[in-house]
Amino acid sequence: MNQSLVTLGFRCEPELKASLSEAADSMNMSLSHFVNEMVSDANVIYLQLSKKIINLEAANYKLTSKLDKYESPELKNLFQQCKGQRAELTDLNGEIIVLQINSIYDLQEVLVKSFKVN
């Protein structure tokens, strides 16, 4: 590190200073150098985690947007009307299947399995 350093002071408990000083001594470093390394490392980790959080928030937004399409007001309303009912339908293999509608996902399954393309 060839850049000039500036002084940054902070107040801490005497036990913390003693612990940091002991750790610095065990690594043959000055307390100032040891704390500088710790703060620098913590800053790098913070920046990495911040980027990951931003990426996770973006992914969450995408997934939530996709989920919202499958839980439209129309589908929710239809589910309220069909909740607890059984649906009997013929699948693509021509077999009769019976599905119990206990959740909005059950209703989606009924809709998908009852759809036929000619």
N, C-alpha and C. Protein backbone atom coordinates (compact mmCIF):
# COMPACT_ATOMS: atom_id res chain seq x y z
N MET A 1 0.85 -1.16 0.00
CA MET A 1 0.00 0.00 0.00
C MET A 1 0.90 1.23 0.00
N ASN A 2 0.98 1.94 -1.12
CA ASN A 2 1.87 3.08 -1.25
C ASN A 2 1.17 4.41 -1.04
N GLN A 3 -0.05 4.40 -0.63
CA GLN A 3 -0.77 5.65 -0.42
C GLN A 3 -0.57 6.13 1.01
N SER A 4 -0.65 7.44 1.17
CA SER A 4 -0.45 7.97 2.52
C SER A 4 -1.67 7.66 3.37
N LEU A 5 -1.42 7.42 4.64
CA LEU A 5 -2.50 7.06 5.56
C LEU A 5 -2.88 8.27 6.40
N VAL A 6 -4.11 8.29 6.87
CA VAL A 6 -4.59 9.33 7.77
C VAL A 6 -4.96 8.68 9.09
N THR A 7 -5.06 9.49 10.11
CA THR A 7 -5.38 8.98 11.43
C THR A 7 -6.89 8.94 11.61
N LEU A 8 -7.36 7.83 12.14
CA LEU A 8 -8.77 7.66 12.47
C LEU A 8 -8.83 7.16 13.90
N GLY A 9 -9.41 7.92 14.77
CA GLY A 9 -9.49 7.52 16.16
C GLY A 9 -10.91 7.11 16.51
N PHE A 10 -11.04 6.23 17.48
CA PHE A 10 -12.37 5.85 17.97
C PHE A 10 -12.25 5.43 19.41
N ARG A 11 -13.34 5.52 20.11
CA ARG A 11 -13.36 5.15 21.52
C ARG A 11 -13.90 3.73 21.63
N CYS A 12 -13.29 2.94 22.53
CA CYS A 12 -13.75 1.58 22.74
C CYS A 12 -13.51 1.21 24.21
N GLU A 13 -14.06 0.10 24.60
CA GLU A 13 -13.88 -0.42 25.95
C GLU A 13 -12.42 -0.84 26.13
N PRO A 14 -11.86 -0.68 27.34
CA PRO A 14 -10.47 -1.09 27.57
C PRO A 14 -10.22 -2.57 27.25
N GLU A 15 -11.23 -3.43 27.52
CA GLU A 15 -11.07 -4.85 27.24
C GLU A 15 -10.91 -5.12 25.74
N LEU A 16 -11.64 -4.36 24.92
CA LEU A 16 -11.53 -4.52 23.48
C LEU A 16 -10.15 -4.10 23.01
N LYS A 17 -9.66 -2.97 23.53
CA LYS A 17 -8.32 -2.52 23.13
C LYS A 17 -7.28 -3.56 23.53
N ALA A 18 -7.41 -4.11 24.72
CA ALA A 18 -6.45 -5.11 25.18
C ALA A 18 -6.50 -6.35 24.29
N SER A 19 -7.69 -6.77 23.93
CA SER A 19 -7.85 -7.94 23.07
C SER A 19 -7.25 -7.69 21.69
N LEU A 20 -7.50 -6.53 21.12
CA LEU A 20 -6.95 -6.18 19.81
C LEU A 20 -5.43 -6.09 19.87
N SER A 21 -4.93 -5.50 20.94
CA SER A 21 -3.49 -5.36 21.12
C SER A 21 -2.82 -6.73 21.23
N GLU A 22 -3.45 -7.63 21.97
CA GLU A 22 -2.93 -8.99 22.12
C GLU A 22 -2.91 -9.71 20.78
N ALA A 23 -4.00 -9.57 20.01
CA ALA A 23 -4.06 -10.21 18.69
C ALA A 23 -2.99 -9.64 17.77
N ALA A 24 -2.80 -8.33 17.82
CA ALA A 24 -1.78 -7.68 16.98
C ALA A 24 -0.40 -8.19 17.35
N ASP A 25 -0.12 -8.26 18.65
CA ASP A 25 1.18 -8.76 19.11
C ASP A 25 1.44 -10.18 18.63
N SER A 26 0.39 -11.02 18.69
CA SER A 26 0.57 -12.41 18.28
C SER A 26 0.87 -12.54 16.80
N MET A 27 0.53 -11.51 16.04
CA MET A 27 0.80 -11.53 14.59
C MET A 27 1.98 -10.63 14.23
N ASN A 28 2.72 -10.21 15.26
CA ASN A 28 3.88 -9.32 15.06
C ASN A 28 3.52 -8.07 14.28
N MET A 29 2.39 -7.48 14.65
CA MET A 29 1.92 -6.24 14.00
C MET A 29 1.71 -5.19 15.07
N SER A 30 1.79 -3.94 14.63
CA SER A 30 1.42 -2.87 15.56
C SER A 30 -0.10 -2.87 15.69
N LEU A 31 -0.58 -2.31 16.78
CA LEU A 31 -2.03 -2.22 16.97
C LEU A 31 -2.66 -1.43 15.84
N SER A 32 -2.04 -0.34 15.45
CA SER A 32 -2.56 0.50 14.38
C SER A 32 -2.66 -0.28 13.06
N HIS A 33 -1.59 -1.01 12.73
CA HIS A 33 -1.59 -1.78 11.49
C HIS A 33 -2.63 -2.90 11.54
N PHE A 34 -2.73 -3.57 12.68
CA PHE A 34 -3.68 -4.67 12.84
C PHE A 34 -5.12 -4.17 12.68
N VAL A 35 -5.46 -3.07 13.35
CA VAL A 35 -6.82 -2.51 13.25
C VAL A 35 -7.08 -2.03 11.83
N ASN A 36 -6.08 -1.43 11.19
CA ASN A 36 -6.24 -1.00 9.80
C ASN A 36 -6.56 -2.19 8.90
N GLU A 37 -5.86 -3.32 9.09
CA GLU A 37 -6.13 -4.52 8.29
C GLU A 37 -7.54 -5.05 8.55
N MET A 38 -7.93 -5.06 9.82
CA MET A 38 -9.27 -5.54 10.16
C MET A 38 -10.35 -4.68 9.51
N VAL A 39 -10.20 -3.38 9.62
CA VAL A 39 -11.20 -2.47 9.07
C VAL A 39 -11.22 -2.58 7.54
N SER A 40 -10.04 -2.69 6.93
CA SER A 40 -9.98 -2.84 5.46
C SER A 40 -10.66 -4.12 5.01
N ASP A 41 -10.37 -5.22 5.72
CA ASP A 41 -11.00 -6.50 5.38
C ASP A 41 -12.51 -6.43 5.57
N ALA A 42 -12.93 -5.82 6.68
CA ALA A 42 -14.36 -5.70 6.94
C ALA A 42 -15.04 -4.86 5.86
N ASN A 43 -14.35 -3.83 5.38
CA ASN A 43 -14.91 -2.99 4.33
C ASN A 43 -15.07 -3.77 3.03
N VAL A 44 -14.08 -4.58 2.69
CA VAL A 44 -14.16 -5.40 1.48
C VAL A 44 -15.34 -6.37 1.59
N ILE A 45 -15.46 -7.02 2.74
CA ILE A 45 -16.56 -7.96 2.97
C ILE A 45 -17.90 -7.23 2.89
N TYR A 46 -17.97 -6.05 3.49
CA TYR A 46 -19.21 -5.26 3.45
C TYR A 46 -19.60 -4.94 2.00
N LEU A 47 -18.63 -4.52 1.20
CA LEU A 47 -18.93 -4.19 -0.20
C LEU A 47 -19.38 -5.42 -0.98
N GLN A 48 -18.74 -6.56 -0.72
CA GLN A 48 -19.14 -7.80 -1.39
C GLN A 48 -20.56 -8.20 -1.00
N LEU A 49 -20.85 -8.12 0.29
CA LEU A 49 -22.19 -8.48 0.76
C LEU A 49 -23.23 -7.50 0.24
N SER A 50 -22.88 -6.24 0.14
CA SER A 50 -23.82 -5.25 -0.39
C SER A 50 -24.20 -5.58 -1.83
N LYS A 51 -23.20 -5.98 -2.62
CA LYS A 51 -23.48 -6.36 -4.01
C LYS A 51 -24.37 -7.60 -4.06
N LYS A 52 -24.09 -8.57 -3.18
CA LYS A 52 -24.90 -9.79 -3.15
C LYS A 52 -26.33 -9.47 -2.73
N ILE A 53 -26.49 -8.58 -1.78
CA ILE A 53 -27.83 -8.19 -1.33
C ILE A 53 -28.58 -7.53 -2.47
N ILE A 54 -27.92 -6.65 -3.21
CA ILE A 54 -28.56 -5.99 -4.36
C ILE A 54 -28.99 -7.04 -5.38
N ASN A 55 -28.12 -8.02 -5.66
CA ASN A 55 -28.45 -9.08 -6.62
C ASN A 55 -29.62 -9.92 -6.12
N LEU A 56 -29.62 -10.24 -4.82
CA LEU A 56 -30.71 -11.02 -4.25
C LEU A 56 -32.03 -10.25 -4.29
N GLU A 57 -31.97 -8.96 -4.02
CA GLU A 57 -33.19 -8.15 -4.08
C GLU A 57 -33.74 -8.11 -5.51
N ALA A 58 -32.85 -8.01 -6.50
CA ALA A 58 -33.29 -8.02 -7.89
C ALA A 58 -33.91 -9.37 -8.26
N ALA A 59 -33.27 -10.45 -7.83
CA ALA A 59 -33.81 -11.79 -8.11
C ALA A 59 -35.15 -11.97 -7.41
N ASN A 60 -35.26 -11.50 -6.19
CA ASN A 60 -36.51 -11.59 -5.45
C ASN A 60 -37.62 -10.81 -6.16
N TYR A 61 -37.29 -9.64 -6.66
CA TYR A 61 -38.27 -8.84 -7.39
C TYR A 61 -38.75 -9.58 -8.64
N LYS A 62 -37.82 -10.19 -9.37
CA LYS A 62 -38.19 -10.95 -10.57
C LYS A 62 -39.12 -12.10 -10.22
N LEU A 63 -38.74 -12.86 -9.19
CA LEU A 63 -39.56 -14.01 -8.79
C LEU A 63 -40.92 -13.58 -8.27
N THR A 64 -40.96 -12.50 -7.51
CA THR A 64 -42.23 -12.00 -6.99
C THR A 64 -43.12 -11.54 -8.13
N SER A 65 -42.53 -10.89 -9.12
CA SER A 65 -43.30 -10.44 -10.29
C SER A 65 -43.89 -11.64 -11.04
N LYS A 66 -43.09 -12.68 -11.18
CA LYS A 66 -43.58 -13.89 -11.86
C LYS A 66 -44.69 -14.54 -11.04
N LEU A 67 -44.50 -14.62 -9.74
CA LEU A 67 -45.51 -15.22 -8.87
C LEU A 67 -46.81 -14.43 -8.92
N ASP A 68 -46.70 -13.11 -8.98
CA ASP A 68 -47.91 -12.27 -9.04
C ASP A 68 -48.77 -12.61 -10.26
N LYS A 69 -48.12 -13.01 -11.35
CA LYS A 69 -48.87 -13.38 -12.56
C LYS A 69 -49.71 -14.63 -12.31
N TYR A 70 -49.19 -15.52 -11.46
CA TYR A 70 -49.90 -16.76 -11.17
C TYR A 70 -50.90 -16.61 -10.04
N GLU A 71 -50.90 -15.47 -9.42
CA GLU A 71 -51.85 -15.22 -8.35
C GLU A 71 -52.64 -13.95 -8.65
N SER A 72 -53.14 -13.87 -9.87
CA SER A 72 -53.90 -12.70 -10.30
C SER A 72 -55.21 -12.62 -9.52
N PRO A 73 -55.81 -11.44 -9.47
CA PRO A 73 -57.10 -11.30 -8.78
C PRO A 73 -58.16 -12.24 -9.35
N GLU A 74 -58.14 -12.46 -10.66
CA GLU A 74 -59.12 -13.35 -11.29
C GLU A 74 -58.95 -14.79 -10.79
N LEU A 75 -57.69 -15.22 -10.71
CA LEU A 75 -57.42 -16.58 -10.25
C LEU A 75 -57.78 -16.73 -8.77
N LYS A 76 -57.48 -15.71 -7.99
CA LYS A 76 -57.82 -15.74 -6.56
C LYS A 76 -59.34 -15.80 -6.37
N ASN A 77 -60.06 -15.06 -7.18
CA ASN A 77 -61.53 -15.06 -7.11
C ASN A 77 -62.08 -16.43 -7.50
N LEU A 78 -61.54 -17.00 -8.58
CA LEU A 78 -61.97 -18.33 -9.01
C LEU A 78 -61.66 -19.37 -7.94
N PHE A 79 -60.52 -19.25 -7.29
CA PHE A 79 -60.17 -20.18 -6.22
C PHE A 79 -61.17 -20.10 -5.08
N GLN A 80 -61.58 -18.90 -4.71
CA GLN A 80 -62.55 -18.75 -3.62
C GLN A 80 -63.86 -19.46 -3.97
N GLN A 81 -64.22 -19.45 -5.25
CA GLN A 81 -65.44 -20.11 -5.68
C GLN A 81 -65.29 -21.64 -5.71
N CYS A 82 -64.09 -22.13 -5.99
CA CYS A 82 -63.86 -23.57 -6.17
C CYS A 82 -63.23 -24.24 -4.95
N LYS A 83 -62.86 -23.49 -3.98
CA LYS A 83 -62.15 -24.00 -2.80
C LYS A 83 -62.91 -25.15 -2.15
N GLY A 84 -62.20 -26.28 -1.92
CA GLY A 84 -62.81 -27.44 -1.28
C GLY A 84 -63.51 -28.38 -2.25
N GLN A 85 -63.67 -27.98 -3.49
CA GLN A 85 -64.35 -28.83 -4.47
C GLN A 85 -63.36 -29.81 -5.10
N ARG A 86 -63.93 -30.82 -5.73
CA ARG A 86 -63.14 -31.80 -6.46
C ARG A 86 -63.40 -31.58 -7.94
N ALA A 87 -62.34 -31.67 -8.71
CA ALA A 87 -62.47 -31.52 -10.16
C ALA A 87 -62.15 -32.85 -10.82
N GLU A 88 -63.05 -33.29 -11.67
CA GLU A 88 -62.83 -34.53 -12.42
C GLU A 88 -62.55 -34.13 -13.85
N LEU A 89 -61.45 -34.61 -14.38
CA LEU A 89 -61.12 -34.26 -15.76
C LEU A 89 -60.35 -35.38 -16.41
N THR A 90 -60.24 -35.29 -17.72
CA THR A 90 -59.52 -36.29 -18.50
C THR A 90 -58.15 -35.72 -18.85
N ASP A 91 -57.11 -36.45 -18.51
CA ASP A 91 -55.76 -35.95 -18.81
C ASP A 91 -55.41 -36.22 -20.27
N LEU A 92 -54.21 -35.87 -20.65
CA LEU A 92 -53.79 -36.01 -22.04
C LEU A 92 -53.71 -37.47 -22.50
N ASN A 93 -53.62 -38.40 -21.56
CA ASN A 93 -53.58 -39.82 -21.89
C ASN A 93 -54.98 -40.43 -21.95
N GLY A 94 -55.99 -39.60 -21.76
CA GLY A 94 -57.36 -40.08 -21.80
C GLY A 94 -57.85 -40.68 -20.49
N GLU A 95 -57.03 -40.59 -19.45
CA GLU A 95 -57.41 -41.15 -18.17
C GLU A 95 -58.15 -40.10 -17.33
N ILE A 96 -59.16 -40.57 -16.61
CA ILE A 96 -59.92 -39.66 -15.74
C ILE A 96 -59.16 -39.51 -14.42
N ILE A 97 -58.95 -38.27 -14.05
CA ILE A 97 -58.29 -38.00 -12.78
C ILE A 97 -59.17 -37.06 -11.95
N VAL A 98 -59.06 -37.19 -10.65
CA VAL A 98 -59.83 -36.34 -9.74
C VAL A 98 -58.84 -35.56 -8.89
N LEU A 99 -59.00 -34.25 -8.88
CA LEU A 99 -58.11 -33.39 -8.11
C LEU A 99 -58.93 -32.60 -7.09
N GLN A 100 -58.45 -32.57 -5.87
CA GLN A 100 -59.09 -31.79 -4.81
C GLN A 100 -58.48 -30.38 -4.84
N ILE A 101 -59.32 -29.35 -4.82
CA ILE A 101 -58.84 -27.97 -4.87
C ILE A 101 -58.78 -27.42 -3.44
N ASN A 102 -57.58 -27.48 -2.86
CA ASN A 102 -57.36 -26.98 -1.50
C ASN A 102 -56.49 -25.73 -1.48
N SER A 103 -55.84 -25.45 -2.60
CA SER A 103 -54.98 -24.27 -2.68
C SER A 103 -55.06 -23.69 -4.08
N ILE A 104 -54.55 -22.49 -4.20
CA ILE A 104 -54.56 -21.84 -5.52
C ILE A 104 -53.70 -22.63 -6.51
N TYR A 105 -52.70 -23.34 -5.99
CA TYR A 105 -51.83 -24.14 -6.85
C TYR A 105 -52.57 -25.38 -7.37
N ASP A 106 -53.47 -25.92 -6.55
CA ASP A 106 -54.32 -27.03 -7.01
C ASP A 106 -55.19 -26.56 -8.16
N LEU A 107 -55.74 -25.37 -8.03
CA LEU A 107 -56.59 -24.81 -9.09
C LEU A 107 -55.77 -24.63 -10.36
N GLN A 108 -54.55 -24.14 -10.23
CA GLN A 108 -53.69 -23.98 -11.41
C GLN A 108 -53.43 -25.34 -12.07
N GLU A 109 -53.23 -26.36 -11.27
CA GLU A 109 -53.00 -27.70 -11.81
C GLU A 109 -54.23 -28.18 -12.58
N VAL A 110 -55.42 -27.94 -12.04
CA VAL A 110 -56.66 -28.31 -12.72
C VAL A 110 -56.75 -27.58 -14.06
N LEU A 111 -56.48 -26.29 -14.05
CA LEU A 111 -56.57 -25.52 -15.28
C LEU A 111 -55.57 -26.00 -16.34
N VAL A 112 -54.36 -26.27 -15.91
CA VAL A 112 -53.33 -26.73 -16.87
C VAL A 112 -53.67 -28.11 -17.41
N LYS A 113 -54.08 -29.03 -16.52
CA LYS A 113 -54.33 -30.40 -16.96
C LYS A 113 -55.63 -30.53 -17.76
N SER A 114 -56.51 -29.56 -17.65
CA SER A 114 -57.77 -29.65 -18.40
C SER A 114 -57.66 -28.96 -19.75
N PHE A 115 -56.56 -28.30 -20.01
CA PHE A 115 -56.39 -27.58 -21.26
C PHE A 115 -55.92 -28.54 -22.35
N LYS A 116 -56.63 -28.53 -23.45
CA LYS A 116 -56.26 -29.40 -24.57
C LYS A 116 -55.98 -28.55 -25.80
N VAL A 117 -54.96 -28.97 -26.53
CA VAL A 117 -54.61 -28.29 -27.78
C VAL A 117 -54.87 -29.28 -28.91
N ASN A 118 -55.60 -28.83 -29.91
CA ASN A 118 -55.90 -29.71 -31.06
C ASN A 118 -54.84 -29.57 -32.12
